[in-house]
Every structure is written in C-alpha cells, then in structure tokens.
PDB file of N, CA and C in Angstrom:
ATOM      1  N   MET A   1       5.961 -14.263 -29.303  1.00  0.00           N
ATOM      2  CA  MET A   1       5.087 -14.224 -28.161  1.00  0.00           C
ATOM      3  C   MET A   1       5.804 -14.889 -26.991  1.00  0.00           C
ATOM      4  N   GLY A   2       5.858 -14.176 -25.868  1.00  0.00           N
ATOM      5  CA  GLY A   2       6.508 -14.710 -24.689  1.00  0.00           C
ATOM      6  C   GLY A   2       5.609 -15.679 -23.944  1.00  0.00           C
ATOM      7  N   GLN A   3       6.209 -16.522 -23.156  1.00  0.00           N
ATOM      8  CA  GLN A   3       5.434 -17.446 -22.338  1.00  0.00           C
ATOM      9  C   GLN A   3       6.146 -17.630 -21.013  1.00  0.00           C
ATOM     10  N   VAL A   4       5.367 -17.581 -19.931  1.00  0.00           N
ATOM     11  CA  VAL A   4       5.908 -17.812 -18.598  1.00  0.00           C
ATOM     12  C   VAL A   4       4.987 -18.788 -17.886  1.00  0.00           C
ATOM     13  N   THR A   5       5.525 -19.405 -16.875  1.00  0.00           N
ATOM     14  CA  THR A   5       4.719 -20.250 -16.001  1.00  0.00           C
ATOM     15  C   THR A   5       4.666 -19.543 -14.665  1.00  0.00           C
ATOM     16  N   VAL A   6       3.461 -19.226 -14.230  1.00  0.00           N
ATOM     17  CA  VAL A   6       3.282 -18.530 -12.956  1.00  0.00           C
ATOM     18  C   VAL A   6       2.700 -19.508 -11.947  1.00  0.00           C
ATOM     19  N   ARG A   7       2.927 -19.211 -10.685  1.00  0.00           N
ATOM     20  CA  ARG A   7       2.417 -20.051  -9.607  1.00  0.00           C
ATOM     21  C   ARG A   7       1.498 -19.196  -8.755  1.00  0.00           C
ATOM     22  N   VAL A   8       0.248 -19.624  -8.662  1.00  0.00           N
ATOM     23  CA  VAL A   8      -0.746 -18.901  -7.861  1.00  0.00           C
ATOM     24  C   VAL A   8      -1.489 -19.928  -7.017  1.00  0.00           C
ATOM     25  N   GLY A   9      -1.478 -19.712  -5.716  1.00  0.00           N
ATOM     26  CA  GLY A   9      -2.204 -20.608  -4.829  1.00  0.00           C
ATOM     27  C   GLY A   9      -1.701 -22.029  -4.832  1.00  0.00           C
ATOM     28  N   GLY A  10      -0.428 -22.206  -5.154  1.00  0.00           N
ATOM     29  CA  GLY A  10       0.142 -23.543  -5.184  1.00  0.00           C
ATOM     30  C   GLY A  10      -0.023 -24.262  -6.507  1.00  0.00           C
ATOM     31  N   TYR A  11      -0.691 -23.625  -7.450  1.00  0.00           N
ATOM     32  CA  TYR A  11      -0.905 -24.218  -8.769  1.00  0.00           C
ATOM     33  C   TYR A  11      -0.076 -23.462  -9.795  1.00  0.00           C
ATOM     34  N   THR A  12       0.458 -24.194 -10.772  1.00  0.00           N
ATOM     35  CA  THR A  12       1.216 -23.546 -11.839  1.00  0.00           C
ATOM     36  C   THR A  12       0.315 -23.382 -13.060  1.00  0.00           C
ATOM     37  N   HIS A  13       0.545 -22.274 -13.755  1.00  0.00           N
ATOM     38  CA  HIS A  13      -0.255 -21.945 -14.934  1.00  0.00           C
ATOM     39  C   HIS A  13       0.661 -21.401 -16.022  1.00  0.00           C
ATOM     40  N   PRO A  14       0.711 -22.036 -17.195  1.00  0.00           N
ATOM     41  CA  PRO A  14       1.449 -21.436 -18.310  1.00  0.00           C
ATOM     42  C   PRO A  14       0.604 -20.302 -18.892  1.00  0.00           C
ATOM     43  N   VAL A  15       1.244 -19.160 -19.110  1.00  0.00           N
ATOM     44  CA  VAL A  15       0.534 -17.981 -19.609  1.00  0.00           C
ATOM     45  C   VAL A  15       1.368 -17.337 -20.709  1.00  0.00           C
ATOM     46  N   SER A  16       0.703 -16.976 -21.809  1.00  0.00           N
ATOM     47  CA  SER A  16       1.369 -16.270 -22.899  1.00  0.00           C
ATOM     48  C   SER A  16       1.239 -14.773 -22.681  1.00  0.00           C
ATOM     49  N   CYS A  17       2.211 -14.046 -23.207  1.00  0.00           N
ATOM     50  CA  CYS A  17       2.188 -12.595 -23.110  1.00  0.00           C
ATOM     51  C   CYS A  17       3.023 -12.008 -24.245  1.00  0.00           C
ATOM     52  N   GLU A  18       2.960 -10.705 -24.387  1.00  0.00           N
ATOM     53  CA  GLU A  18       3.788 -10.037 -25.385  1.00  0.00           C
ATOM     54  C   GLU A  18       5.252 -10.163 -24.977  1.00  0.00           C
ATOM     55  N   ASP A  19       6.114 -10.243 -25.968  1.00  0.00           N
ATOM     56  CA  ASP A  19       7.540 -10.291 -25.677  1.00  0.00           C
ATOM     57  C   ASP A  19       7.937  -9.076 -24.843  1.00  0.00           C
ATOM     58  N   GLY A  20       8.747  -9.309 -23.850  1.00  0.00           N
ATOM     59  CA  GLY A  20       9.210  -8.237 -22.978  1.00  0.00           C
ATOM     60  C   GLY A  20       8.310  -7.994 -21.772  1.00  0.00           C
ATOM     61  N   GLN A  21       7.142  -8.625 -21.741  1.00  0.00           N
ATOM     62  CA  GLN A  21       6.203  -8.422 -20.634  1.00  0.00           C
ATOM     63  C   GLN A  21       6.256  -9.551 -19.593  1.00  0.00           C
ATOM     64  N   GLU A  22       7.204 -10.439 -19.747  1.00  0.00           N
ATOM     65  CA  GLU A  22       7.271 -11.597 -18.867  1.00  0.00           C
ATOM     66  C   GLU A  22       7.427 -11.212 -17.390  1.00  0.00           C
ATOM     67  N   ALA A  23       8.342 -10.322 -17.102  1.00  0.00           N
ATOM     68  CA  ALA A  23       8.569  -9.929 -15.701  1.00  0.00           C
ATOM     69  C   ALA A  23       7.339  -9.248 -15.123  1.00  0.00           C
ATOM     70  N   HIS A  24       6.684  -8.440 -15.927  1.00  0.00           N
ATOM     71  CA  HIS A  24       5.472  -7.760 -15.474  1.00  0.00           C
ATOM     72  C   HIS A  24       4.378  -8.777 -15.151  1.00  0.00           C
ATOM     73  N   LEU A  25       4.221  -9.762 -16.006  1.00  0.00           N
ATOM     74  CA  LEU A  25       3.213 -10.796 -15.790  1.00  0.00           C
ATOM     75  C   LEU A  25       3.521 -11.598 -14.529  1.00  0.00           C
ATOM     76  N   ILE A  26       4.778 -11.899 -14.307  1.00  0.00           N
ATOM     77  CA  ILE A  26       5.174 -12.623 -13.095  1.00  0.00           C
ATOM     78  C   ILE A  26       4.854 -11.793 -11.858  1.00  0.00           C
ATOM     79  N   ALA A  27       5.092 -10.480 -11.915  1.00  0.00           N
ATOM     80  CA  ALA A  27       4.779  -9.605 -10.784  1.00  0.00           C
ATOM     81  C   ALA A  27       3.270  -9.547 -10.532  1.00  0.00           C
ATOM     82  N   LEU A  28       2.486  -9.513 -11.598  1.00  0.00           N
ATOM     83  CA  LEU A  28       1.030  -9.512 -11.441  1.00  0.00           C
ATOM     84  C   LEU A  28       0.557 -10.808 -10.799  1.00  0.00           C
ATOM     85  N   ALA A  29       1.101 -11.920 -11.242  1.00  0.00           N
ATOM     86  CA  ALA A  29       0.721 -13.216 -10.666  1.00  0.00           C
ATOM     87  C   ALA A  29       1.110 -13.280  -9.186  1.00  0.00           C
ATOM     88  N   ALA A  30       2.240 -12.693  -8.839  1.00  0.00           N
ATOM     89  CA  ALA A  30       2.659 -12.667  -7.434  1.00  0.00           C
ATOM     90  C   ALA A  30       1.665 -11.862  -6.595  1.00  0.00           C
ATOM     91  N   GLU A  31       1.133 -10.793  -7.160  1.00  0.00           N
ATOM     92  CA  GLU A  31       0.127  -9.982  -6.469  1.00  0.00           C
ATOM     93  C   GLU A  31      -1.144 -10.798  -6.239  1.00  0.00           C
ATOM     94  N   VAL A  32      -1.573 -11.533  -7.241  1.00  0.00           N
ATOM     95  CA  VAL A  32      -2.753 -12.401  -7.087  1.00  0.00           C
ATOM     96  C   VAL A  32      -2.455 -13.479  -6.050  1.00  0.00           C
ATOM     97  N   ASP A  33      -1.269 -14.033  -6.093  1.00  0.00           N
ATOM     98  CA  ASP A  33      -0.891 -15.076  -5.133  1.00  0.00           C
ATOM     99  C   ASP A  33      -0.926 -14.544  -3.705  1.00  0.00           C
ATOM    100  N   ARG A  34      -0.529 -13.287  -3.503  1.00  0.00           N
ATOM    101  CA  ARG A  34      -0.601 -12.689  -2.153  1.00  0.00           C
ATOM    102  C   ARG A  34      -2.054 -12.628  -1.676  1.00  0.00           C
ATOM    103  N   ARG A  35      -2.959 -12.282  -2.583  1.00  0.00           N
ATOM    104  CA  ARG A  35      -4.384 -12.237  -2.218  1.00  0.00           C
ATOM    105  C   ARG A  35      -4.900 -13.638  -1.877  1.00  0.00           C
ATOM    106  N   VAL A  36      -4.505 -14.622  -2.668  1.00  0.00           N
ATOM    107  CA  VAL A  36      -4.917 -15.999  -2.409  1.00  0.00           C
ATOM    108  C   VAL A  36      -4.390 -16.438  -1.037  1.00  0.00           C
ATOM    109  N   ALA A  37      -3.146 -16.109  -0.745  1.00  0.00           N
ATOM    110  CA  ALA A  37      -2.565 -16.477   0.552  1.00  0.00           C
ATOM    111  C   ALA A  37      -3.315 -15.812   1.700  1.00  0.00           C
ATOM    112  N   SER A  38      -3.734 -14.555   1.513  1.00  0.00           N
ATOM    113  CA  SER A  38      -4.475 -13.874   2.584  1.00  0.00           C
ATOM    114  C   SER A  38      -5.840 -14.515   2.796  1.00  0.00           C
ATOM    115  N   ILE A  39      -6.467 -14.999   1.728  1.00  0.00           N
ATOM    116  CA  ILE A  39      -7.756 -15.690   1.852  1.00  0.00           C
ATOM    117  C   ILE A  39      -7.564 -17.025   2.566  1.00  0.00           C
ATOM    118  N   ARG A  40      -6.519 -17.742   2.200  1.00  0.00           N
ATOM    119  CA  ARG A  40      -6.232 -19.024   2.868  1.00  0.00           C
ATOM    120  C   ARG A  40      -5.956 -18.819   4.349  1.00  0.00           C
ATOM    121  N   ALA A  41      -5.296 -17.712   4.689  1.00  0.00           N
ATOM    122  CA  ALA A  41      -4.971 -17.442   6.089  1.00  0.00           C
ATOM    123  C   ALA A  41      -6.232 -17.231   6.923  1.00  0.00           C
ATOM    124  N   MET A  42      -7.330 -16.866   6.297  1.00  0.00           N
ATOM    125  CA  MET A  42      -8.591 -16.670   7.015  1.00  0.00           C
ATOM    126  C   MET A  42      -9.210 -18.006   7.410  1.00  0.00           C
ATOM    127  N   GLY A  43      -8.740 -19.076   6.836  1.00  0.00           N
ATOM    128  CA  GLY A  43      -9.262 -20.402   7.146  1.00  0.00           C
ATOM    129  C   GLY A  43     -10.269 -20.851   6.113  1.00  0.00           C
ATOM    130  N   GLY A  44     -10.716 -22.058   6.281  1.00  0.00           N
ATOM    131  CA  GLY A  44     -11.689 -22.600   5.339  1.00  0.00           C
ATOM    132  C   GLY A  44     -10.995 -23.330   4.211  1.00  0.00           C
ATOM    133  N   GLN A  45     -11.716 -24.230   3.615  1.00  0.00           N
ATOM    134  CA  GLN A  45     -11.197 -24.998   2.494  1.00  0.00           C
ATOM    135  C   GLN A  45     -11.854 -24.498   1.213  1.00  0.00           C
ATOM    136  N   PHE A  46     -11.043 -24.050   0.293  1.00  0.00           N
ATOM    137  CA  PHE A  46     -11.546 -23.559  -0.978  1.00  0.00           C
ATOM    138  C   PHE A  46     -10.811 -24.254  -2.105  1.00  0.00           C
ATOM    139  N   GLY A  47     -11.525 -24.540  -3.166  1.00  0.00           N
ATOM    140  CA  GLY A  47     -10.897 -25.066  -4.364  1.00  0.00           C
ATOM    141  C   GLY A  47     -10.184 -23.950  -5.107  1.00  0.00           C
ATOM    142  N   GLU A  48      -9.429 -24.346  -6.115  1.00  0.00           N
ATOM    143  CA  GLU A  48      -8.649 -23.368  -6.887  1.00  0.00           C
ATOM    144  C   GLU A  48      -9.530 -22.282  -7.500  1.00  0.00           C
ATOM    145  N   SER A  49     -10.634 -22.674  -8.115  1.00  0.00           N
ATOM    146  CA  SER A  49     -11.474 -21.674  -8.778  1.00  0.00           C
ATOM    147  C   SER A  49     -12.088 -20.710  -7.764  1.00  0.00           C
ATOM    148  N   ARG A  50     -12.488 -21.204  -6.603  1.00  0.00           N
ATOM    149  CA  ARG A  50     -13.069 -20.337  -5.563  1.00  0.00           C
ATOM    150  C   ARG A  50     -12.012 -19.362  -5.036  1.00  0.00           C
ATOM    151  N   LEU A  51     -10.810 -19.859  -4.803  1.00  0.00           N
ATOM    152  CA  LEU A  51      -9.723 -18.982  -4.343  1.00  0.00           C
ATOM    153  C   LEU A  51      -9.454 -17.873  -5.356  1.00  0.00           C
ATOM    154  N   LEU A  52      -9.393 -18.241  -6.627  1.00  0.00           N
ATOM    155  CA  LEU A  52      -9.121 -17.244  -7.660  1.00  0.00           C
ATOM    156  C   LEU A  52     -10.263 -16.242  -7.777  1.00  0.00           C
ATOM    157  N   LEU A  53     -11.501 -16.720  -7.606  1.00  0.00           N
ATOM    158  CA  LEU A  53     -12.642 -15.811  -7.623  1.00  0.00           C
ATOM    159  C   LEU A  53     -12.548 -14.807  -6.478  1.00  0.00           C
ATOM    160  N   LEU A  54     -12.295 -15.285  -5.267  1.00  0.00           N
ATOM    161  CA  LEU A  54     -12.211 -14.383  -4.114  1.00  0.00           C
ATOM    162  C   LEU A  54     -11.040 -13.412  -4.249  1.00  0.00           C
ATOM    163  N   ALA A  55      -9.906 -13.891  -4.750  1.00  0.00           N
ATOM    164  CA  ALA A  55      -8.760 -13.006  -4.972  1.00  0.00           C
ATOM    165  C   ALA A  55      -9.105 -11.951  -6.014  1.00  0.00           C
ATOM    166  N   SER A  56      -9.812 -12.341  -7.060  1.00  0.00           N
ATOM    167  CA  SER A  56     -10.234 -11.394  -8.093  1.00  0.00           C
ATOM    168  C   SER A  56     -11.162 -10.338  -7.526  1.00  0.00           C
ATOM    169  N   LEU A  57     -12.065 -10.758  -6.648  1.00  0.00           N
ATOM    170  CA  LEU A  57     -12.979  -9.796  -6.029  1.00  0.00           C
ATOM    171  C   LEU A  57     -12.227  -8.808  -5.135  1.00  0.00           C
ATOM    172  N   LEU A  58     -11.222  -9.295  -4.405  1.00  0.00           N
ATOM    173  CA  LEU A  58     -10.410  -8.386  -3.590  1.00  0.00           C
ATOM    174  C   LEU A  58      -9.697  -7.358  -4.474  1.00  0.00           C
ATOM    175  N   LEU A  59      -9.121  -7.819  -5.568  1.00  0.00           N
ATOM    176  CA  LEU A  59      -8.428  -6.909  -6.484  1.00  0.00           C
ATOM    177  C   LEU A  59      -9.403  -5.932  -7.132  1.00  0.00           C
ATOM    178  N   ALA A  60     -10.589  -6.416  -7.511  1.00  0.00           N
ATOM    179  CA  ALA A  60     -11.596  -5.537  -8.114  1.00  0.00           C
ATOM    180  C   ALA A  60     -12.042  -4.471  -7.120  1.00  0.00           C
ATOM    181  N   ASP A  61     -12.153  -4.840  -5.854  1.00  0.00           N
ATOM    182  CA  ASP A  61     -12.529  -3.868  -4.826  1.00  0.00           C
ATOM    183  C   ASP A  61     -11.456  -2.789  -4.685  1.00  0.00           C
ATOM    184  N   GLU A  62     -10.195  -3.194  -4.707  1.00  0.00           N
ATOM    185  CA  GLU A  62      -9.104  -2.212  -4.642  1.00  0.00           C
ATOM    186  C   GLU A  62      -9.119  -1.290  -5.857  1.00  0.00           C
ATOM    187  N   ILE A  63      -9.354  -1.844  -7.031  1.00  0.00           N
ATOM    188  CA  ILE A  63      -9.425  -1.034  -8.242  1.00  0.00           C
ATOM    189  C   ILE A  63     -10.574  -0.038  -8.147  1.00  0.00           C
ATOM    190  N   HIS A  64     -11.714  -0.500  -7.648  1.00  0.00           N
ATOM    191  CA  HIS A  64     -12.869   0.392  -7.472  1.00  0.00           C
ATOM    192  C   HIS A  64     -12.511   1.560  -6.564  1.00  0.00           C
ATOM    193  N   ASP A  65     -11.883   1.261  -5.426  1.00  0.00           N
ATOM    194  CA  ASP A  65     -11.503   2.326  -4.498  1.00  0.00           C
ATOM    195  C   ASP A  65     -10.534   3.309  -5.144  1.00  0.00           C
ATOM    196  N   LEU A  66      -9.586   2.798  -5.917  1.00  0.00           N
ATOM    197  CA  LEU A  66      -8.632   3.677  -6.594  1.00  0.00           C
ATOM    198  C   LEU A  66      -9.329   4.549  -7.634  1.00  0.00           C
ATOM    199  N   ARG A  67     -10.302   3.984  -8.345  1.00  0.00           N
ATOM    200  CA  ARG A  67     -11.051   4.768  -9.335  1.00  0.00           C
ATOM    201  C   ARG A  67     -11.861   5.870  -8.663  1.00  0.00           C
ATOM    202  N   VAL A  68     -12.467   5.565  -7.523  1.00  0.00           N
ATOM    203  CA  VAL A  68     -13.216   6.580  -6.770  1.00  0.00           C
ATOM    204  C   VAL A  68     -12.272   7.688  -6.334  1.00  0.00           C
ATOM    205  N   ASP A  69     -11.109   7.325  -5.799  1.00  0.00           N
ATOM    206  CA  ASP A  69     -10.129   8.330  -5.382  1.00  0.00           C
ATOM    207  C   ASP A  69      -9.677   9.178  -6.562  1.00  0.00           C
ATOM    208  N   LEU A  70      -9.445   8.535  -7.700  1.00  0.00           N
ATOM    209  CA  LEU A  70      -9.019   9.263  -8.894  1.00  0.00           C
ATOM    210  C   LEU A  70     -10.106  10.217  -9.364  1.00  0.00           C
ATOM    211  N   SER A  71     -11.349   9.772  -9.350  1.00  0.00           N
ATOM    212  CA  SER A  71     -12.470  10.640  -9.755  1.00  0.00           C
ATOM    213  C   SER A  71     -12.574  11.860  -8.841  1.00  0.00           C
ATOM    214  N   ARG A  72     -12.420  11.624  -7.561  1.00  0.00           N
ATOM    215  CA  ARG A  72     -12.468  12.746  -6.603  1.00  0.00           C
ATOM    216  C   ARG A  72     -11.325  13.728  -6.853  1.00  0.00           C
ATOM    217  N   ALA A  73     -10.144  13.172  -7.119  1.00  0.00           N
ATOM    218  CA  ALA A  73      -8.990  14.037  -7.362  1.00  0.00           C
ATOM    219  C   ALA A  73      -9.189  14.855  -8.634  1.00  0.00           C
ATOM    220  N   LYS A  74      -9.756  14.230  -9.675  1.00  0.00           N
ATOM    221  CA  LYS A  74      -9.993  14.945 -10.925  1.00  0.00           C
ATOM    222  C   LYS A  74     -11.096  15.986 -10.776  1.00  0.00           C
ATOM    223  N   ALA A  75     -12.066  15.715  -9.915  1.00  0.00           N
ATOM    224  CA  ALA A  75     -13.198  16.634  -9.728  1.00  0.00           C
ATOM    225  C   ALA A  75     -12.846  17.818  -8.832  1.00  0.00           C
ATOM    226  N   ALA A  76     -11.775  17.715  -8.089  1.00  0.00           N
ATOM    227  CA  ALA A  76     -11.395  18.805  -7.187  1.00  0.00           C
ATOM    228  C   ALA A  76     -10.964  20.017  -8.008  1.00  0.00           C
ATOM    229  N   PRO A  77     -11.284  21.209  -7.528  1.00  0.00           N
ATOM    230  CA  PRO A  77     -10.850  22.415  -8.243  1.00  0.00           C
ATOM    231  C   PRO A  77      -9.323  22.473  -8.338  1.00  0.00           C
ATOM    232  N   PRO A  78      -8.807  23.050  -9.408  1.00  0.00           N
ATOM    233  CA  PRO A  78      -7.349  23.164  -9.541  1.00  0.00           C
ATOM    234  C   PRO A  78      -6.759  23.896  -8.336  1.00  0.00           C
ATOM    235  N   GLY A  79      -5.693  23.361  -7.827  1.00  0.00           N
ATOM    236  CA  GLY A  79      -5.020  23.982  -6.691  1.00  0.00           C
ATOM    237  C   GLY A  79      -5.601  23.584  -5.352  1.00  0.00           C
ATOM    238  N   ALA A  80      -6.705  22.850  -5.345  1.00  0.00           N
ATOM    239  CA  ALA A  80      -7.308  22.426  -4.085  1.00  0.00           C
ATOM    240  C   ALA A  80      -6.426  21.371  -3.431  1.00  0.00           C
ATOM    241  N   ALA A  81      -6.356  21.436  -2.129  1.00  0.00           N
ATOM    242  CA  ALA A  81      -5.566  20.459  -1.392  1.00  0.00           C
ATOM    243  C   ALA A  81      -6.274  19.106  -1.453  1.00  0.00           C
ATOM    244  N   PRO A  82      -5.538  18.042  -1.657  1.00  0.00           N
ATOM    245  CA  PRO A  82      -6.166  16.724  -1.685  1.00  0.00           C
ATOM    246  C   PRO A  82      -6.684  16.345  -0.297  1.00  0.00           C
ATOM    247  N   GLU A  83      -7.703  15.492  -0.281  1.00  0.00           N
ATOM    248  CA  GLU A  83      -8.249  15.016   0.987  1.00  0.00           C
ATOM    249  C   GLU A  83      -7.198  14.154   1.668  1.00  0.00           C
ATOM    250  N   ILE A  84      -6.931  14.451   2.930  1.00  0.00           N
ATOM    251  CA  ILE A  84      -5.876  13.756   3.653  1.00  0.00           C
ATOM    252  C   ILE A  84      -6.489  12.950   4.788  1.00  0.00           C
ATOM    253  N   ASP A  85      -6.093  11.714   4.893  1.00  0.00           N
ATOM    254  CA  ASP A  85      -6.541  10.853   5.984  1.00  0.00           C
ATOM    255  C   ASP A  85      -5.918  11.379   7.278  1.00  0.00           C
ATOM    256  N   PRO A  86      -6.731  11.729   8.289  1.00  0.00           N
ATOM    257  CA  PRO A  86      -6.185  12.292   9.525  1.00  0.00           C
ATOM    258  C   PRO A  86      -5.227  11.346  10.251  1.00  0.00           C
ATOM    259  N   LEU A  87      -5.500  10.040  10.206  1.00  0.00           N
ATOM    260  CA  LEU A  87      -4.591   9.094  10.869  1.00  0.00           C
ATOM    261  C   LEU A  87      -3.243   9.041  10.158  1.00  0.00           C
ATOM    262  N   LEU A  88      -3.279   9.086   8.841  1.00  0.00           N
ATOM    263  CA  LEU A  88      -2.036   9.094   8.075  1.00  0.00           C
ATOM    264  C   LEU A  88      -1.260  10.374   8.355  1.00  0.00           C
ATOM    265  N   ALA A  89      -1.958  11.497   8.402  1.00  0.00           N
ATOM    266  CA  ALA A  89      -1.299  12.776   8.688  1.00  0.00           C
ATOM    267  C   ALA A  89      -0.640  12.746  10.065  1.00  0.00           C
ATOM    268  N   GLU A  90      -1.325  12.147  11.033  1.00  0.00           N
ATOM    269  CA  GLU A  90      -0.760  12.056  12.390  1.00  0.00           C
ATOM    270  C   GLU A  90       0.494  11.189  12.399  1.00  0.00           C
ATOM    271  N   ARG A  91       0.440  10.052  11.726  1.00  0.00           N
ATOM    272  CA  ARG A  91       1.613   9.169  11.654  1.00  0.00           C
ATOM    273  C   ARG A  91       2.778   9.857  10.963  1.00  0.00           C
ATOM    274  N   LEU A  92       2.478  10.565   9.863  1.00  0.00           N
ATOM    275  CA  LEU A  92       3.541  11.278   9.153  1.00  0.00           C
ATOM    276  C   LEU A  92       4.140  12.373  10.025  1.00  0.00           C
ATOM    277  N   GLY A  93       3.297  13.034  10.819  1.00  0.00           N
ATOM    278  CA  GLY A  93       3.790  14.063  11.739  1.00  0.00           C
ATOM    279  C   GLY A  93       4.737  13.478  12.777  1.00  0.00           C
ATOM    280  N   ARG A  94       4.375  12.326  13.327  1.00  0.00           N
ATOM    281  CA  ARG A  94       5.247  11.668  14.320  1.00  0.00           C
ATOM    282  C   ARG A  94       6.561  11.238  13.674  1.00  0.00           C
ATOM    283  N   LEU A  95       6.472  10.712  12.453  1.00  0.00           N
ATOM    284  CA  LEU A  95       7.702  10.318  11.756  1.00  0.00           C
ATOM    285  C   LEU A  95       8.593  11.517  11.478  1.00  0.00           C
ATOM    286  N   ALA A  96       7.984  12.632  11.085  1.00  0.00           N
ATOM    287  CA  ALA A  96       8.766  13.843  10.831  1.00  0.00           C
ATOM    288  C   ALA A  96       9.469  14.304  12.100  1.00  0.00           C
ATOM    289  N   GLU A  97       8.774  14.236  13.234  1.00  0.00           N
ATOM    290  CA  GLU A  97       9.397  14.625  14.514  1.00  0.00           C
ATOM    291  C   GLU A  97      10.574  13.714  14.836  1.00  0.00           C
ATOM    292  N   GLN A  98      10.406  12.415  14.622  1.00  0.00           N
ATOM    293  CA  GLN A  98      11.498  11.479  14.884  1.00  0.00           C
ATOM    294  C   GLN A  98      12.689  11.758  13.972  1.00  0.00           C
ATOM    295  N   ILE A  99      12.419  12.037  12.713  1.00  0.00           N
ATOM    296  CA  ILE A  99      13.501  12.336  11.764  1.00  0.00           C
ATOM    297  C   ILE A  99      14.219  13.612  12.163  1.00  0.00           C
ATOM    298  N   GLU A 100      13.458  14.631  12.563  1.00  0.00           N
ATOM    299  CA  GLU A 100      14.072  15.875  13.018  1.00  0.00           C
ATOM    300  C   GLU A 100      14.927  15.644  14.256  1.00  0.00           C
ATOM    301  N   GLY A 101      14.467  14.779  15.164  1.00  0.00           N
ATOM    302  CA  GLY A 101      15.255  14.452  16.360  1.00  0.00           C
ATOM    303  C   GLY A 101      16.557  13.764  16.000  1.00  0.00           C
ATOM    304  N   ILE A 102      16.494  12.848  15.066  1.00  0.00           N
ATOM    305  CA  ILE A 102      17.711  12.151  14.617  1.00  0.00           C
ATOM    306  C   ILE A 102      18.656  13.130  13.949  1.00  0.00           C
ATOM    307  N   ALA A 103      18.124  13.995  13.100  1.00  0.00           N
ATOM    308  CA  ALA A 103      18.963  14.990  12.420  1.00  0.00           C
ATOM    309  C   ALA A 103      19.615  15.920  13.428  1.00  0.00           C
ATOM    310  N   ALA A 104      18.865  16.335  14.457  1.00  0.00           N
ATOM    311  CA  ALA A 104      19.413  17.228  15.477  1.00  0.00           C
ATOM    312  C   ALA A 104      20.535  16.536  16.250  1.00  0.00           C
ATOM    313  N   SER A 105      20.360  15.255  16.540  1.00  0.00           N
ATOM    314  CA  SER A 105      21.407  14.530  17.290  1.00  0.00           C
ATOM    315  C   SER A 105      22.658  14.342  16.433  1.00  0.00           C
ATOM    316  N   LEU A 106      22.493  14.259  15.135  1.00  0.00           N
ATOM    317  CA  LEU A 106      23.653  14.133  14.257  1.00  0.00           C
ATOM    318  C   LEU A 106      24.432  15.440  14.143  1.00  0.00           C
ATOM    319  N   ASP A 107      23.711  16.573  14.313  1.00  0.00           N
ATOM    320  CA  ASP A 107      24.354  17.882  14.210  1.00  0.00           C
ATOM    321  C   ASP A 107      25.175  18.207  15.461  1.00  0.00           C
ATOM    322  N   GLN A 108      24.898  17.542  16.578  1.00  0.00           N
ATOM    323  CA  GLN A 108      25.618  17.824  17.817  1.00  0.00           C
ATOM    324  C   GLN A 108      26.977  17.144  17.795  1.00  0.00           C
ATOM    325  N   PRO A 109      28.007  17.863  18.304  1.00  0.00           N
ATOM    326  CA  PRO A 109      29.357  17.269  18.283  1.00  0.00           C
ATOM    327  C   PRO A 109      29.521  16.163  19.286  1.00  0.00           C
TER     328      PRO A 109
END
C-alpha cells in the first residue's frame, strides 16, 4: 500500500493509496488545493474543515455540471451535432483566423 503526504490549504495530510497511484493522488490533492486557494482569495477567515467543505462543494458542482453535459450528449440522437457555446465558437473562429493569417505570412517569400 502506497502512502503520500499531500498539502492542501497549508496543511499536510498523510494519505494511503494503492501502489502506483501516488502521483495521481498528489494531482488530485493539488486540484483541491487550487479550490481552497480560490476560496481564500475571496476573503474571509475559514478554518481547515470549512475550507475543505467549500472546496468539496465547488468540486461537486463541477462534477454535477459534467454529468448533466454527459447525459445530454448521450441523449442526443446519433450523428447530432453537439451543443456549442456561441462565445466559445466565436473565440475559436477568431483564433482560426489568426492562425490562418500567420500561416499565410509564413508562405510568403
């Protein structure tokens, strides 16, 4: 059984895991730590347990959104185009134009 010490919110925690999963566990803890840091950046004084609770709720909300997106994707008829965020499509269009401009300038002698 593997064991790592992770740091979240300035606190260290020894955690056991399956052998070979140490790096994955460290990456997961880093993700939680990013959420804790974003909560701290909002201000306010929170204890360790409150910070971890709020970080967990943020992660649970993201998981919920991903599950909803996955359900929608699975429910769509085969071959149907996925729902596209118009703002994302616009940004991608601008990036494509910039890339095409760069490619065109590289083709010129």
